[in-house]
Amino acid sequence: EVQLVESGGGLVQPGGSLRLSCAISGFTYKNYCMAWVRQAPGKALEWISDITSGGTALYADFVKGRFTISRDNAKNTVYLQLNSLKTEDTAMYYCAHNRMGGGRGQGTQVTVSS
């Protein structure tokens, strides 16, 4: 069974940082591109970033150098480092198989508030 399990979310003040993790099981993920997406209340799912099997990363324009995606194939884990967080970054964050959020896990909530 393929499973993606996100963790690392929480409540943080504007300007703060969080590191999200996505533990992957059930398939040979190191051969695949993985993505992070998010969904704020009342809004559509939004692509954040993805990383190829070789480690090449792409980001949505709104990231503007604040977020960093990475992967550790030995640990079957994908990470998303969130820096300089803004209130508008508040959302449920998911890792997924693609930019459309396919196969995503249960998500981890990130709340940015003072």
N, C-alpha and C. Protein backbone atom coordinates (compact mmCIF):
# COMPACT_ATOMS: atom_id res chain seq x y z
N GLU A 1 0.84 -1.19 0.00
CA GLU A 1 0.00 0.00 0.00
C GLU A 1 0.88 1.25 0.00
N VAL A 2 0.59 2.15 -0.92
CA VAL A 2 1.34 3.40 -1.00
C VAL A 2 0.85 4.35 0.09
N GLN A 3 1.78 4.90 0.84
CA GLN A 3 1.42 5.84 1.89
C GLN A 3 2.35 7.04 1.89
N LEU A 4 1.76 8.21 2.01
CA LEU A 4 2.50 9.46 2.20
C LEU A 4 2.02 10.04 3.51
N VAL A 5 2.93 10.26 4.46
CA VAL A 5 2.54 10.76 5.77
C VAL A 5 3.32 12.03 6.07
N GLU A 6 2.58 13.14 6.11
CA GLU A 6 3.19 14.44 6.36
C GLU A 6 3.23 14.74 7.86
N SER A 7 4.23 15.52 8.25
CA SER A 7 4.35 15.96 9.64
C SER A 7 5.17 17.24 9.68
N GLY A 8 5.19 17.87 10.86
CA GLY A 8 6.03 19.04 11.05
C GLY A 8 5.31 20.37 11.06
N GLY A 9 4.02 20.35 10.79
CA GLY A 9 3.27 21.59 10.81
C GLY A 9 3.07 22.11 12.23
N GLY A 10 2.46 23.29 12.33
CA GLY A 10 2.20 23.87 13.63
C GLY A 10 1.84 25.33 13.53
N LEU A 11 1.82 25.96 14.68
CA LEU A 11 1.53 27.40 14.78
C LEU A 11 2.85 28.15 14.89
N VAL A 12 3.02 29.15 14.04
CA VAL A 12 4.26 29.92 14.04
C VAL A 12 3.92 31.38 13.79
N GLN A 13 4.74 32.27 14.33
CA GLN A 13 4.53 33.70 14.12
C GLN A 13 5.03 34.12 12.74
N PRO A 14 4.51 35.20 12.22
CA PRO A 14 5.03 35.72 10.94
C PRO A 14 6.53 35.91 11.01
N GLY A 15 7.21 35.50 9.95
CA GLY A 15 8.66 35.55 9.92
C GLY A 15 9.33 34.29 10.41
N GLY A 16 8.56 33.39 10.99
CA GLY A 16 9.11 32.17 11.54
C GLY A 16 9.35 31.10 10.49
N SER A 17 9.81 29.93 10.99
CA SER A 17 10.17 28.83 10.11
C SER A 17 9.59 27.51 10.60
N LEU A 18 9.39 26.61 9.67
CA LEU A 18 8.99 25.24 9.97
C LEU A 18 9.66 24.33 8.96
N ARG A 19 9.85 23.07 9.35
CA ARG A 19 10.34 22.07 8.43
C ARG A 19 9.32 20.94 8.36
N LEU A 20 8.75 20.78 7.19
CA LEU A 20 7.78 19.72 6.96
C LEU A 20 8.47 18.48 6.43
N SER A 21 7.97 17.32 6.84
CA SER A 21 8.50 16.05 6.37
C SER A 21 7.39 15.23 5.75
N CYS A 22 7.76 14.40 4.81
CA CYS A 22 6.81 13.48 4.19
C CYS A 22 7.48 12.11 4.12
N ALA A 23 7.00 11.20 4.95
CA ALA A 23 7.51 9.84 4.96
C ALA A 23 6.75 9.01 3.93
N ILE A 24 7.50 8.32 3.10
CA ILE A 24 6.92 7.62 1.95
C ILE A 24 7.15 6.13 2.08
N SER A 25 6.12 5.35 1.79
CA SER A 25 6.26 3.90 1.79
C SER A 25 5.37 3.30 0.73
N GLY A 26 5.69 2.09 0.35
CA GLY A 26 4.84 1.36 -0.57
C GLY A 26 5.24 1.43 -2.03
N PHE A 27 6.24 2.23 -2.37
CA PHE A 27 6.73 2.23 -3.74
C PHE A 27 8.16 2.75 -3.74
N THR A 28 8.83 2.53 -4.86
CA THR A 28 10.24 2.92 -4.97
C THR A 28 10.29 4.40 -5.33
N TYR A 29 10.09 5.22 -4.32
CA TYR A 29 9.89 6.64 -4.55
C TYR A 29 11.11 7.33 -5.12
N LYS A 30 12.29 6.77 -4.89
CA LYS A 30 13.50 7.47 -5.34
C LYS A 30 13.54 7.62 -6.85
N ASN A 31 12.73 6.83 -7.57
CA ASN A 31 12.71 6.94 -9.02
C ASN A 31 11.72 7.97 -9.53
N TYR A 32 11.01 8.62 -8.62
CA TYR A 32 9.90 9.49 -9.01
C TYR A 32 10.07 10.92 -8.52
N CYS A 33 9.48 11.81 -9.29
CA CYS A 33 9.34 13.18 -8.85
C CYS A 33 8.30 13.23 -7.73
N MET A 34 8.52 14.09 -6.76
CA MET A 34 7.57 14.30 -5.67
C MET A 34 7.27 15.78 -5.57
N ALA A 35 6.09 16.09 -5.06
CA ALA A 35 5.65 17.48 -5.01
C ALA A 35 5.09 17.83 -3.63
N TRP A 36 5.06 19.12 -3.36
CA TRP A 36 4.32 19.67 -2.22
C TRP A 36 3.24 20.60 -2.78
N VAL A 37 2.05 20.48 -2.20
CA VAL A 37 0.94 21.35 -2.54
C VAL A 37 0.31 21.82 -1.25
N ARG A 38 -0.55 22.81 -1.33
CA ARG A 38 -1.23 23.30 -0.13
C ARG A 38 -2.64 23.74 -0.47
N GLN A 39 -3.46 23.81 0.56
CA GLN A 39 -4.83 24.28 0.37
C GLN A 39 -5.26 25.09 1.58
N ALA A 40 -5.54 26.35 1.33
CA ALA A 40 -6.05 27.24 2.36
C ALA A 40 -7.57 27.11 2.42
N PRO A 41 -8.17 27.43 3.55
CA PRO A 41 -9.63 27.33 3.67
C PRO A 41 -10.34 28.13 2.58
N GLY A 42 -11.26 27.48 1.89
CA GLY A 42 -12.04 28.14 0.86
C GLY A 42 -11.32 28.39 -0.45
N LYS A 43 -10.09 27.88 -0.56
CA LYS A 43 -9.32 28.11 -1.78
C LYS A 43 -8.96 26.80 -2.46
N ALA A 44 -8.56 26.90 -3.70
CA ALA A 44 -8.18 25.71 -4.47
C ALA A 44 -6.82 25.18 -4.03
N LEU A 45 -6.59 23.94 -4.36
CA LEU A 45 -5.28 23.35 -4.13
C LEU A 45 -4.23 24.11 -4.94
N GLU A 46 -3.09 24.36 -4.33
CA GLU A 46 -2.07 25.20 -4.96
C GLU A 46 -0.72 24.47 -4.94
N TRP A 47 -0.08 24.38 -6.10
CA TRP A 47 1.23 23.75 -6.18
C TRP A 47 2.28 24.67 -5.57
N ILE A 48 3.21 24.08 -4.81
CA ILE A 48 4.28 24.84 -4.18
C ILE A 48 5.61 24.54 -4.86
N SER A 49 5.95 23.24 -4.95
CA SER A 49 7.27 22.87 -5.41
C SER A 49 7.27 21.39 -5.78
N ASP A 50 8.22 21.01 -6.64
CA ASP A 50 8.48 19.60 -6.83
C ASP A 50 9.96 19.36 -7.04
N ILE A 51 10.33 18.09 -6.87
CA ILE A 51 11.74 17.72 -6.96
C ILE A 51 11.84 16.42 -7.74
N THR A 52 12.74 16.39 -8.71
CA THR A 52 12.90 15.20 -9.54
C THR A 52 13.67 14.12 -8.79
N SER A 53 13.73 12.96 -9.40
CA SER A 53 14.49 11.88 -8.79
C SER A 53 15.96 12.25 -8.66
N GLY A 54 16.42 13.11 -9.54
CA GLY A 54 17.81 13.52 -9.51
C GLY A 54 18.08 14.71 -8.61
N GLY A 55 17.01 15.25 -8.01
CA GLY A 55 17.20 16.34 -7.07
C GLY A 55 17.00 17.74 -7.62
N THR A 56 16.54 17.84 -8.87
CA THR A 56 16.27 19.16 -9.43
C THR A 56 14.94 19.68 -8.89
N ALA A 57 14.96 20.90 -8.36
CA ALA A 57 13.77 21.47 -7.73
C ALA A 57 13.19 22.61 -8.56
N LEU A 58 11.88 22.68 -8.55
CA LEU A 58 11.16 23.80 -9.17
C LEU A 58 10.19 24.36 -8.14
N TYR A 59 9.93 25.67 -8.25
CA TYR A 59 9.08 26.34 -7.27
C TYR A 59 8.05 27.23 -7.95
N ALA A 60 6.91 27.36 -7.29
CA ALA A 60 5.92 28.33 -7.72
C ALA A 60 6.46 29.74 -7.49
N ASP A 61 5.98 30.68 -8.25
CA ASP A 61 6.48 32.06 -8.16
C ASP A 61 6.31 32.65 -6.77
N PHE A 62 5.24 32.31 -6.09
CA PHE A 62 4.97 32.95 -4.80
C PHE A 62 5.99 32.55 -3.73
N VAL A 63 6.73 31.47 -3.96
CA VAL A 63 7.71 31.02 -2.98
C VAL A 63 8.82 32.05 -2.83
N LYS A 64 9.33 32.55 -3.95
CA LYS A 64 10.31 33.65 -3.96
C LYS A 64 11.48 33.42 -3.02
N GLY A 65 12.04 32.21 -3.03
CA GLY A 65 13.22 31.93 -2.25
C GLY A 65 12.97 31.63 -0.78
N ARG A 66 11.73 31.60 -0.36
CA ARG A 66 11.44 31.37 1.06
C ARG A 66 11.38 29.89 1.44
N PHE A 67 11.03 29.04 0.50
CA PHE A 67 10.86 27.61 0.77
C PHE A 67 11.94 26.81 0.04
N THR A 68 12.32 25.68 0.63
CA THR A 68 13.29 24.80 -0.01
C THR A 68 12.82 23.35 0.09
N ILE A 69 12.74 22.69 -1.06
CA ILE A 69 12.37 21.29 -1.08
C ILE A 69 13.65 20.45 -1.16
N SER A 70 13.61 19.29 -0.51
CA SER A 70 14.76 18.39 -0.57
C SER A 70 14.26 16.97 -0.38
N ARG A 71 15.14 16.01 -0.64
CA ARG A 71 14.75 14.62 -0.47
C ARG A 71 15.94 13.83 0.06
N ASP A 72 15.62 12.82 0.85
CA ASP A 72 16.63 11.89 1.37
C ASP A 72 16.17 10.50 0.95
N ASN A 73 16.75 10.01 -0.12
CA ASN A 73 16.31 8.72 -0.66
C ASN A 73 16.57 7.57 0.31
N ALA A 74 17.62 7.69 1.11
CA ALA A 74 17.93 6.63 2.07
C ALA A 74 16.85 6.52 3.15
N LYS A 75 16.22 7.65 3.44
CA LYS A 75 15.18 7.68 4.47
C LYS A 75 13.77 7.68 3.89
N ASN A 76 13.67 7.60 2.57
CA ASN A 76 12.35 7.63 1.92
C ASN A 76 11.54 8.83 2.40
N THR A 77 12.16 9.98 2.42
CA THR A 77 11.52 11.16 2.96
C THR A 77 11.78 12.37 2.07
N VAL A 78 10.75 13.17 1.93
CA VAL A 78 10.85 14.46 1.24
C VAL A 78 10.58 15.55 2.27
N TYR A 79 11.30 16.65 2.15
CA TYR A 79 11.17 17.73 3.11
C TYR A 79 10.76 19.03 2.41
N LEU A 80 10.16 19.92 3.19
CA LEU A 80 9.90 21.27 2.71
C LEU A 80 10.24 22.22 3.86
N GLN A 81 11.32 22.97 3.68
CA GLN A 81 11.72 23.98 4.66
C GLN A 81 10.98 25.27 4.34
N LEU A 82 10.27 25.78 5.33
CA LEU A 82 9.50 27.00 5.17
C LEU A 82 10.14 28.10 6.00
N ASN A 83 10.60 29.14 5.36
CA ASN A 83 11.20 30.28 6.05
C ASN A 83 10.42 31.55 5.74
N SER A 84 10.63 32.56 6.57
CA SER A 84 9.98 33.87 6.35
C SER A 84 8.48 33.71 6.11
N LEU A 85 7.86 32.95 6.97
CA LEU A 85 6.44 32.64 6.77
C LEU A 85 5.57 33.87 6.93
N LYS A 86 4.51 33.90 6.15
CA LYS A 86 3.55 35.00 6.15
C LYS A 86 2.18 34.46 6.54
N THR A 87 1.31 35.34 6.96
CA THR A 87 -0.04 34.90 7.36
C THR A 87 -0.75 34.21 6.19
N GLU A 88 -0.47 34.65 4.99
CA GLU A 88 -1.12 34.05 3.82
C GLU A 88 -0.58 32.65 3.48
N ASP A 89 0.45 32.21 4.20
CA ASP A 89 0.94 30.84 4.03
C ASP A 89 0.13 29.84 4.85
N THR A 90 -0.79 30.32 5.65
CA THR A 90 -1.63 29.44 6.45
C THR A 90 -2.44 28.52 5.54
N ALA A 91 -2.29 27.22 5.74
CA ALA A 91 -2.94 26.24 4.87
C ALA A 91 -2.63 24.83 5.38
N MET A 92 -3.32 23.86 4.80
CA MET A 92 -2.95 22.46 4.97
C MET A 92 -1.94 22.14 3.89
N TYR A 93 -0.83 21.57 4.29
CA TYR A 93 0.25 21.25 3.36
C TYR A 93 0.29 19.73 3.14
N TYR A 94 0.43 19.36 1.86
CA TYR A 94 0.43 17.96 1.47
C TYR A 94 1.65 17.65 0.60
N CYS A 95 2.20 16.46 0.76
CA CYS A 95 3.09 15.97 -0.28
C CYS A 95 2.27 15.07 -1.19
N ALA A 96 2.72 14.98 -2.43
CA ALA A 96 1.92 14.30 -3.44
C ALA A 96 2.81 13.77 -4.55
N HIS A 97 2.19 12.98 -5.42
CA HIS A 97 2.94 12.40 -6.53
C HIS A 97 3.11 13.38 -7.68
N ASN A 98 2.29 14.42 -7.72
CA ASN A 98 2.37 15.35 -8.83
C ASN A 98 1.83 16.72 -8.41
N ARG A 99 1.93 17.68 -9.31
CA ARG A 99 1.53 19.06 -9.00
C ARG A 99 0.04 19.23 -8.77
N MET A 100 -0.75 18.28 -9.25
CA MET A 100 -2.19 18.35 -9.06
C MET A 100 -2.61 17.76 -7.72
N GLY A 101 -1.63 17.30 -6.96
CA GLY A 101 -1.94 16.75 -5.64
C GLY A 101 -2.36 15.30 -5.65
N GLY A 102 -2.10 14.60 -6.75
CA GLY A 102 -2.49 13.22 -6.84
C GLY A 102 -1.82 12.34 -5.80
N GLY A 103 -2.60 11.48 -5.16
CA GLY A 103 -2.04 10.55 -4.19
C GLY A 103 -1.54 11.19 -2.92
N ARG A 104 -1.98 12.38 -2.61
CA ARG A 104 -1.45 13.09 -1.45
C ARG A 104 -1.84 12.42 -0.14
N GLY A 105 -1.09 12.74 0.90
CA GLY A 105 -1.37 12.19 2.20
C GLY A 105 -2.46 12.96 2.93
N GLN A 106 -2.48 12.81 4.26
CA GLN A 106 -3.55 13.45 5.05
C GLN A 106 -3.25 14.92 5.34
N GLY A 107 -2.01 15.32 5.12
CA GLY A 107 -1.64 16.72 5.28
C GLY A 107 -1.17 17.08 6.67
N THR A 108 -0.51 18.22 6.76
CA THR A 108 -0.10 18.78 8.03
C THR A 108 -0.44 20.27 8.02
N GLN A 109 -1.06 20.73 9.09
CA GLN A 109 -1.56 22.11 9.14
C GLN A 109 -0.46 23.07 9.52
N VAL A 110 -0.34 24.13 8.74
CA VAL A 110 0.57 25.24 9.04
C VAL A 110 -0.28 26.47 9.28
N THR A 111 -0.13 27.06 10.45
CA THR A 111 -0.87 28.27 10.80
C THR A 111 0.13 29.35 11.16
N VAL A 112 0.07 30.45 10.44
CA VAL A 112 0.97 31.57 10.67
C VAL A 112 0.15 32.72 11.24
N SER A 113 0.42 33.03 12.48
CA SER A 113 -0.39 34.05 13.16
C SER A 113 0.40 34.63 14.32
N SER A 114 0.15 35.92 14.56
CA SER A 114 0.78 36.56 15.72
C SER A 114 -0.13 36.49 16.94
